[in-house]
Amino acid sequence: MPTADAIAVAELSAPHGVRGWVRVHLYDPDSEALRPGLRVELRPPQGGHGPEAMSAQVLAVEPVPGKAVLRVHFAEIASRDRAEELRGHEVWVSRADLPALEDDEFYLTDTIGLPVERALDGERTQPLGTIVGVTSNGVQDLLEVQYTRKDGRKDTWLLPALPQFIVDVDDARMQVELPLGLLPDEFEANSP
């Protein structure tokens, strides 16, 4: 059973057939996180309705021809009705069961809470806010960065999670290099 260190890797998007198979949308289309024999947790989306979280064992994983999804058979889902009840649930996998990361890779979920800054000149950096969430526009992943406006109100801007924008990530901060137009106006006004 995944623990508190689990990561959401996919979402159950729809039933597939009548025997409990489900279509699964991977958050990373290239992910190899799901495999037969793996025990995962199916959790309802935040604020969502429907069945509570449950442990499930992956029996089979197959690509859906012509689609960017997988069809997955879980031991605990034996009917189309049950698959329909779990639509929208996320598939959470324990970090210990995930493939090893390369030196230059990181999980987007691990960036939540990190301050974002960009290098100016020499040793100076410009604080741009703190990552408070991860979302997607359907084409790419976006980091939600919260900052305090000059009038004291909190606001957010979206940082595309693309390698050309993210210079470095460590336990203390994320450093970015961004073209004009991606930052809120008050940050753009202070651009080097």
Protein backbone atom coordinates (compact mmCIF):
# COMPACT_ATOMS: atom_id res chain seq x y z
CA MET A 1 0.00 0.00 0.00
CA PRO A 2 1.48 3.40 -0.93
CA THR A 3 2.48 5.53 2.02
CA ALA A 4 2.56 9.24 2.71
CA ASP A 5 5.50 9.51 0.30
CA ALA A 6 3.35 8.41 -2.65
CA ILE A 7 3.05 10.45 -5.84
CA ALA A 8 0.03 10.81 -8.15
CA VAL A 9 1.05 9.43 -11.55
CA ALA A 10 -2.26 9.10 -13.40
CA GLU A 11 -6.02 9.52 -13.40
CA LEU A 12 -8.75 6.99 -14.15
CA SER A 13 -10.43 8.64 -17.12
CA ALA A 14 -13.12 6.15 -18.21
CA PRO A 15 -14.22 2.52 -18.17
CA HIS A 16 -12.86 0.37 -21.02
CA GLY A 17 -15.15 -2.53 -21.85
CA VAL A 18 -17.45 -4.43 -19.49
CA ARG A 19 -15.00 -6.42 -17.34
CA GLY A 20 -13.59 -3.62 -15.17
CA TRP A 21 -10.72 -2.41 -17.33
CA VAL A 22 -10.18 1.36 -17.10
CA ARG A 23 -8.58 3.94 -19.32
CA VAL A 24 -5.78 5.67 -17.45
CA HIS A 25 -4.38 9.07 -18.39
CA LEU A 26 -0.73 9.26 -17.30
CA TYR A 27 0.41 12.68 -16.09
CA ASP A 28 3.73 11.96 -17.83
CA PRO A 29 2.95 10.19 -21.14
CA ASP A 30 6.42 8.59 -21.11
CA SER A 31 6.07 7.22 -17.59
CA GLU A 32 6.68 3.55 -16.93
CA ALA A 33 5.37 3.77 -13.37
CA LEU A 34 2.46 1.34 -13.86
CA ARG A 35 3.27 -2.33 -14.31
CA PRO A 36 1.64 -5.68 -13.50
CA GLY A 37 2.03 -6.73 -9.87
CA LEU A 38 2.33 -3.18 -8.57
CA ARG A 39 0.16 -2.20 -5.59
CA VAL A 40 -1.20 1.36 -5.87
CA GLU A 41 -3.74 3.53 -4.13
CA LEU A 42 -6.75 4.94 -5.97
CA ARG A 43 -7.70 8.25 -4.35
CA PRO A 44 -10.66 10.50 -5.17
CA PRO A 45 -9.70 13.90 -6.56
CA GLN A 46 -9.41 16.70 -4.00
CA GLY A 47 -12.89 17.96 -3.27
CA GLY A 48 -14.29 15.14 -5.38
CA HIS A 49 -17.18 12.84 -4.61
CA GLY A 50 -17.51 9.11 -4.89
CA PRO A 51 -15.83 6.12 -3.29
CA GLU A 52 -13.10 6.59 -0.70
CA ALA A 53 -9.47 5.80 -1.38
CA MET A 54 -8.67 2.14 -1.91
CA SER A 55 -5.68 -0.08 -2.42
CA ALA A 56 -5.52 -1.85 -5.79
CA GLN A 57 -3.19 -4.28 -7.52
CA VAL A 58 -2.33 -3.79 -11.18
CA LEU A 59 -3.00 -7.03 -13.10
CA ALA A 60 -2.33 -5.81 -16.65
CA VAL A 61 -1.28 -2.65 -18.51
CA GLU A 62 -1.80 -2.18 -22.26
CA PRO A 63 -1.52 0.82 -24.58
CA VAL A 64 -4.68 2.00 -26.33
CA PRO A 65 -3.83 2.19 -30.06
CA GLY A 66 -3.99 5.73 -31.37
CA LYS A 67 -4.55 7.27 -27.93
CA ALA A 68 -2.25 8.80 -25.33
CA VAL A 69 -3.72 6.59 -22.59
CA LEU A 70 -3.31 3.10 -21.19
CA ARG A 71 -5.93 0.53 -20.40
CA VAL A 72 -5.33 -1.02 -17.02
CA HIS A 73 -6.92 -3.94 -15.23
CA PHE A 74 -6.94 -3.76 -11.43
CA ALA A 75 -7.74 -6.85 -9.33
CA GLU A 76 -10.29 -4.89 -7.28
CA ILE A 77 -12.28 -3.55 -10.26
CA ALA A 78 -14.32 -6.33 -11.84
CA SER A 79 -17.16 -4.51 -13.62
CA ARG A 80 -17.87 -1.54 -15.83
CA ASP A 81 -20.11 -0.07 -13.10
CA ARG A 82 -17.27 -0.18 -10.55
CA ALA A 83 -14.88 1.35 -13.10
CA GLU A 84 -17.41 4.14 -13.70
CA GLU A 85 -17.70 4.80 -9.95
CA LEU A 86 -13.94 5.34 -9.78
CA ARG A 87 -13.76 7.71 -12.75
CA GLY A 88 -11.58 10.71 -11.84
CA HIS A 89 -9.71 8.88 -9.05
CA GLU A 90 -5.97 9.39 -9.11
CA VAL A 91 -3.45 6.56 -9.16
CA TRP A 92 -0.85 7.05 -6.40
CA VAL A 93 2.40 5.08 -6.39
CA SER A 94 4.90 4.84 -3.55
CA ARG A 95 8.22 6.55 -4.36
CA ALA A 96 10.00 3.28 -3.61
CA ASP A 97 8.09 1.68 -6.53
CA LEU A 98 8.87 4.44 -9.04
CA PRO A 99 11.73 4.25 -11.54
CA ALA A 100 14.94 5.93 -10.36
CA LEU A 101 15.38 9.58 -11.33
CA GLU A 102 18.35 10.78 -13.36
CA ASP A 103 20.58 13.47 -11.81
CA ASP A 104 18.83 16.25 -13.75
CA GLU A 105 15.27 15.01 -13.08
CA PHE A 106 12.81 15.85 -10.30
CA TYR A 107 9.15 15.31 -9.51
CA LEU A 108 7.02 18.41 -10.02
CA THR A 109 5.18 17.68 -6.77
CA ASP A 110 8.50 18.05 -4.92
CA THR A 111 8.77 21.69 -6.03
CA ILE A 112 5.67 22.74 -4.06
CA GLY A 113 6.83 25.09 -1.30
CA LEU A 114 10.07 26.09 -3.04
CA PRO A 115 10.81 29.78 -3.61
CA VAL A 116 11.36 30.76 -7.25
CA GLU A 117 14.08 33.23 -8.20
CA ARG A 118 15.88 34.38 -11.28
CA ALA A 119 19.49 35.44 -11.63
CA LEU A 120 20.03 39.10 -12.39
CA ASP A 121 23.64 40.16 -12.66
CA GLY A 122 26.54 38.62 -10.79
CA GLU A 123 25.34 37.15 -7.48
CA ARG A 124 22.03 39.04 -7.31
CA THR A 125 18.72 37.24 -7.71
CA GLN A 126 15.13 38.43 -7.99
CA PRO A 127 12.53 36.60 -5.84
CA LEU A 128 9.48 35.69 -7.93
CA GLY A 129 7.27 33.94 -5.37
CA THR A 130 6.72 30.43 -4.01
CA ILE A 131 5.40 27.37 -5.82
CA VAL A 132 1.99 26.50 -4.36
CA GLY A 133 0.67 23.96 -6.86
CA VAL A 134 1.01 22.08 -10.11
CA THR A 135 -1.55 22.21 -12.91
CA SER A 136 -1.73 21.57 -16.65
CA ASN A 137 -3.19 23.36 -19.63
CA GLY A 138 -3.54 20.09 -21.53
CA VAL A 139 -0.32 20.68 -23.46
CA GLN A 140 2.23 21.22 -20.71
CA ASP A 141 2.61 21.17 -16.96
CA LEU A 142 2.50 24.51 -15.16
CA LEU A 143 3.77 25.49 -11.73
CA GLU A 144 1.49 27.87 -9.80
CA VAL A 145 3.71 30.54 -8.25
CA GLN A 146 2.23 32.74 -5.52
CA TYR A 147 3.67 36.20 -4.83
CA THR A 148 2.71 39.29 -2.86
CA ARG A 149 1.77 42.28 -4.98
CA LYS A 150 2.91 45.80 -4.15
CA ASP A 151 -0.52 46.49 -2.62
CA GLY A 152 -0.03 43.53 -0.22
CA ARG A 153 -2.51 41.16 -1.88
CA LYS A 154 -1.55 37.60 -2.85
CA ASP A 155 -1.65 36.66 -6.51
CA THR A 156 -0.36 33.80 -8.68
CA TRP A 157 1.30 33.41 -12.04
CA LEU A 158 1.94 30.26 -14.07
CA LEU A 159 5.45 29.03 -14.82
CA PRO A 160 5.69 26.50 -17.67
CA ALA A 161 7.60 23.48 -16.33
CA LEU A 162 9.92 23.35 -19.32
CA PRO A 163 13.67 22.62 -19.23
CA GLN A 164 14.56 25.81 -21.11
CA PHE A 165 13.06 27.91 -18.28
CA ILE A 166 14.23 25.95 -15.22
CA VAL A 167 17.94 26.50 -14.64
CA ASP A 168 18.37 24.68 -11.33
CA VAL A 169 16.30 22.98 -8.62
CA ASP A 170 17.56 21.99 -5.19
CA ASP A 171 16.06 21.56 -1.73
CA ALA A 172 16.19 25.32 -1.09
CA ARG A 173 14.90 26.96 -4.29
CA MET A 174 14.15 26.85 -8.01
CA GLN A 175 16.16 29.16 -10.25
CA VAL A 176 14.63 30.16 -13.57
CA GLU A 177 15.58 32.06 -16.70
CA LEU A 178 12.53 33.45 -18.47
CA PRO A 179 11.88 35.41 -21.65
CA LEU A 180 9.95 38.68 -21.46
CA GLY A 181 6.21 38.21 -21.23
CA LEU A 182 6.04 35.26 -18.84
CA LEU A 183 6.15 37.23 -15.60
CA PRO A 184 3.53 39.49 -13.99
CA ASP A 185 3.95 43.13 -15.05
CA GLU A 186 5.54 44.27 -11.79
CA PHE A 187 8.34 41.74 -12.23
CA GLU A 188 8.76 42.59 -15.90
CA ALA A 189 9.25 46.25 -14.96
CA ASN A 190 12.31 45.20 -12.93
CA SER A 191 13.79 43.02 -15.68
CA PRO A 192 17.52 43.36 -16.30
